[in-house]
N, C-alpha and C. Protein backbone atom coordinates (compact mmCIF):
# COMPACT_ATOMS: atom_id res chain seq x y z
N MET A 1 11.89 -7.81 -4.25
CA MET A 1 11.53 -7.11 -2.97
C MET A 1 12.59 -6.76 -2.28
N GLU A 2 13.94 -7.12 -2.67
CA GLU A 2 15.04 -6.92 -1.65
C GLU A 2 15.46 -5.60 -1.62
N ASP A 3 15.04 -4.56 -2.54
CA ASP A 3 15.46 -3.23 -2.34
C ASP A 3 14.46 -2.33 -1.67
N LEU A 4 13.46 -2.90 -0.82
CA LEU A 4 12.44 -2.30 0.00
C LEU A 4 12.90 -2.06 1.39
N SER A 5 12.58 -1.11 1.87
CA SER A 5 12.72 -1.08 3.43
C SER A 5 11.89 -1.92 4.03
N PRO A 6 12.19 -2.00 5.41
CA PRO A 6 11.40 -2.90 6.32
C PRO A 6 9.81 -2.52 6.31
N ILE A 7 9.57 -1.27 6.44
CA ILE A 7 8.18 -0.80 6.44
C ILE A 7 7.52 -0.94 5.13
N GLU A 8 8.28 -0.83 4.01
CA GLU A 8 7.61 -0.89 2.69
C GLU A 8 7.33 -2.37 2.61
N LYS A 9 8.24 -3.33 2.86
CA LYS A 9 7.87 -4.84 2.91
C LYS A 9 6.60 -5.11 3.74
N MET A 10 6.45 -4.53 4.94
CA MET A 10 5.33 -4.67 5.70
C MET A 10 4.07 -4.25 5.08
N VAL A 11 4.21 -3.09 4.49
CA VAL A 11 3.06 -2.40 3.94
C VAL A 11 2.51 -3.42 2.82
N VAL A 12 3.48 -3.73 1.75
CA VAL A 12 3.10 -4.70 0.76
C VAL A 12 2.42 -5.93 1.22
N GLN A 13 3.21 -6.52 2.19
CA GLN A 13 2.52 -7.85 2.67
C GLN A 13 1.11 -7.50 3.30
N ALA A 14 0.91 -6.53 4.13
CA ALA A 14 -0.37 -6.30 4.59
C ALA A 14 -1.48 -5.92 3.52
N MET A 15 -1.09 -5.31 2.45
CA MET A 15 -2.02 -5.13 1.30
C MET A 15 -2.40 -6.32 0.67
N GLN A 16 -1.36 -7.27 0.48
CA GLN A 16 -1.64 -8.68 -0.01
C GLN A 16 -2.64 -9.39 0.90
N ASP A 17 -2.39 -9.32 2.13
CA ASP A 17 -3.09 -9.97 3.25
C ASP A 17 -4.51 -9.45 3.28
N LEU A 18 -4.67 -8.16 3.00
CA LEU A 18 -6.01 -7.56 2.97
C LEU A 18 -6.75 -7.85 1.57
N GLY A 19 -5.98 -8.29 0.52
CA GLY A 19 -6.52 -8.61 -0.73
C GLY A 19 -6.59 -7.46 -1.65
N ALA A 20 -5.58 -6.42 -1.37
CA ALA A 20 -5.70 -5.18 -2.29
C ALA A 20 -4.77 -5.49 -3.38
N THR A 21 -5.23 -6.35 -4.21
CA THR A 21 -4.21 -6.74 -5.52
C THR A 21 -4.92 -6.38 -6.70
N LYS A 22 -6.16 -5.68 -6.74
CA LYS A 22 -6.71 -5.07 -7.92
C LYS A 22 -7.42 -3.79 -7.59
N GLU A 23 -7.59 -3.00 -8.68
CA GLU A 23 -8.36 -1.76 -8.46
C GLU A 23 -9.64 -1.90 -7.69
N GLU A 24 -10.35 -3.04 -8.09
CA GLU A 24 -11.62 -3.11 -7.29
C GLU A 24 -11.71 -3.32 -5.78
N LYS A 25 -10.42 -3.70 -5.27
CA LYS A 25 -10.19 -4.05 -4.07
C LYS A 25 -9.41 -3.16 -3.36
N LYS A 26 -9.15 -2.07 -3.79
CA LYS A 26 -8.11 -1.01 -3.27
C LYS A 26 -8.47 -0.64 -1.99
N LYS A 27 -7.48 -0.48 -0.99
CA LYS A 27 -7.64 -0.07 0.47
C LYS A 27 -7.07 1.22 0.70
N THR A 28 -7.52 2.02 1.89
CA THR A 28 -7.15 3.24 2.09
C THR A 28 -5.74 3.12 3.07
N ALA A 29 -5.16 4.07 3.27
CA ALA A 29 -4.19 4.31 4.14
C ALA A 29 -4.46 3.83 5.48
N ASP A 30 -5.66 4.10 5.99
CA ASP A 30 -6.24 3.76 7.22
C ASP A 30 -6.14 2.26 7.33
N ASP A 31 -6.82 1.81 6.44
CA ASP A 31 -6.90 0.23 6.53
C ASP A 31 -5.63 -0.48 6.62
N ILE A 32 -4.61 0.05 5.81
CA ILE A 32 -3.32 -0.61 5.84
C ILE A 32 -2.59 -0.41 6.99
N ALA A 33 -2.75 0.82 7.70
CA ALA A 33 -2.12 1.29 8.91
C ALA A 33 -2.57 0.34 9.95
N LYS A 34 -3.83 -0.05 10.04
CA LYS A 34 -4.47 -0.86 11.20
C LYS A 34 -3.90 -2.38 10.93
N LYS A 35 -3.88 -2.83 9.60
CA LYS A 35 -3.43 -4.05 9.59
C LYS A 35 -1.86 -4.28 9.91
N CYS A 36 -1.05 -3.13 9.74
CA CYS A 36 0.31 -3.15 9.95
C CYS A 36 0.57 -2.86 11.47
N ASN A 37 -0.35 -2.18 12.18
CA ASN A 37 -0.20 -1.73 13.51
C ASN A 37 0.96 -0.91 13.51
N ARG A 38 1.04 0.31 12.65
CA ARG A 38 1.99 1.22 12.56
C ARG A 38 1.16 2.60 12.34
N PRO A 39 1.75 3.74 12.63
CA PRO A 39 1.24 5.17 12.50
C PRO A 39 0.81 5.22 11.15
N LYS A 40 -0.30 5.93 10.76
CA LYS A 40 -0.59 6.23 9.29
C LYS A 40 0.29 7.03 8.65
N SER A 41 0.97 8.08 9.35
CA SER A 41 1.95 8.73 8.61
C SER A 41 3.06 7.89 7.96
N MET A 42 3.49 7.00 8.82
CA MET A 42 4.52 6.07 8.42
C MET A 42 4.30 5.27 7.20
N VAL A 43 2.84 4.65 7.33
CA VAL A 43 2.38 3.94 6.07
C VAL A 43 2.16 4.78 5.01
N THR A 44 1.57 6.01 5.09
CA THR A 44 1.46 6.82 3.96
C THR A 44 2.92 7.27 3.24
N ASN A 45 3.86 7.50 4.00
CA ASN A 45 5.27 7.67 3.46
C ASN A 45 5.69 6.52 2.73
N ALA A 46 5.47 5.26 3.25
CA ALA A 46 5.81 3.90 2.47
C ALA A 46 4.96 3.96 1.22
N LEU A 47 3.70 4.17 1.23
CA LEU A 47 2.92 3.94 0.16
C LEU A 47 3.29 5.10 -0.90
N VAL A 48 3.86 6.12 -0.61
CA VAL A 48 4.28 7.16 -1.72
C VAL A 48 5.42 6.58 -2.28
N SER A 49 6.43 6.19 -1.40
CA SER A 49 7.71 5.49 -1.90
C SER A 49 7.29 4.30 -2.86
N LEU A 50 6.42 3.31 -2.54
CA LEU A 50 6.14 2.24 -3.17
C LEU A 50 5.49 2.71 -4.54
N SER A 51 4.60 3.81 -4.40
CA SER A 51 3.99 4.38 -5.82
C SER A 51 5.03 4.73 -6.73
N ASN A 52 6.08 5.44 -6.06
CA ASN A 52 7.15 5.96 -6.96
C ASN A 52 7.98 4.87 -7.66
N LYS A 53 8.03 3.80 -6.96
CA LYS A 53 8.82 2.63 -7.49
C LYS A 53 7.93 1.72 -8.39
N GLY A 54 6.74 2.08 -8.58
CA GLY A 54 5.89 1.36 -9.35
C GLY A 54 5.28 0.15 -8.94
N MET A 55 5.44 -0.24 -7.48
CA MET A 55 4.99 -1.48 -6.98
C MET A 55 3.40 -1.38 -6.55
N VAL A 56 3.06 0.03 -6.21
CA VAL A 56 1.61 0.32 -5.71
C VAL A 56 0.89 1.35 -6.57
N LYS A 57 -0.27 1.13 -6.86
CA LYS A 57 -0.98 2.07 -7.54
C LYS A 57 -1.79 2.92 -6.75
N ARG A 58 -1.82 4.18 -6.77
CA ARG A 58 -2.74 5.16 -6.00
C ARG A 58 -3.93 5.30 -6.85
N VAL A 59 -5.21 5.43 -6.40
CA VAL A 59 -6.35 5.87 -6.93
C VAL A 59 -6.93 7.06 -6.15
N VAL A 60 -7.06 8.15 -6.91
CA VAL A 60 -7.61 9.38 -6.11
C VAL A 60 -8.99 9.18 -6.29
N ARG A 61 -9.82 9.43 -5.02
CA ARG A 61 -11.10 9.32 -4.83
C ARG A 61 -11.54 10.76 -4.11
N GLU A 62 -12.79 10.77 -3.91
CA GLU A 62 -13.50 11.91 -3.35
C GLU A 62 -12.93 12.31 -1.94
N LYS A 63 -12.90 11.29 -1.10
CA LYS A 63 -12.61 11.39 0.38
C LYS A 63 -11.21 10.92 0.64
N ALA A 64 -10.93 9.64 0.47
CA ALA A 64 -9.56 9.14 0.67
C ALA A 64 -9.06 8.25 -0.55
N SER A 65 -7.80 8.58 -0.81
CA SER A 65 -7.23 7.81 -1.94
C SER A 65 -7.30 6.28 -1.73
N GLY A 66 -7.38 5.46 -2.76
CA GLY A 66 -7.28 4.02 -2.40
C GLY A 66 -5.93 3.48 -3.05
N TYR A 67 -5.51 2.42 -2.58
CA TYR A 67 -4.11 1.76 -2.94
C TYR A 67 -4.26 0.20 -3.28
N PHE A 68 -3.63 -0.25 -4.15
CA PHE A 68 -3.49 -1.76 -4.35
C PHE A 68 -1.96 -1.92 -4.97
N VAL A 69 -1.81 -3.22 -4.85
CA VAL A 69 -0.45 -3.77 -5.24
C VAL A 69 -0.57 -3.99 -6.76
N GLU A 70 0.32 -3.52 -7.52
CA GLU A 70 0.45 -3.75 -9.07
C GLU A 70 0.65 -5.34 -9.16
N ALA A 71 -0.15 -5.84 -10.11
CA ALA A 71 -0.06 -7.14 -10.35
C ALA A 71 1.43 -7.51 -10.81
N SER A 72 1.96 -6.77 -11.58
CA SER A 72 3.38 -6.98 -12.22
C SER A 72 4.47 -6.98 -11.12
N SER A 73 4.13 -6.41 -9.98
CA SER A 73 5.36 -6.32 -8.99
C SER A 73 5.16 -7.54 -7.96
N MET A 74 4.11 -8.42 -8.03
CA MET A 74 4.03 -9.38 -7.15
C MET A 74 4.81 -10.59 -7.58
């Protein structure tokens, strides 16, 4: 995790604390932003970056997308 920005590290840690480690336990950007105590836009940008790096998986749903930490990146 040394190539991650501070906000990306914070987001990954928050997701792990929330238990978002499998698809069945995915969390929304709102859930993660509340846990991080950071603006949703900042968290969303970090989630997109983490998704591009393959550390976080995004699951598109009807209302809000869900995110979880990829098991291989932990």
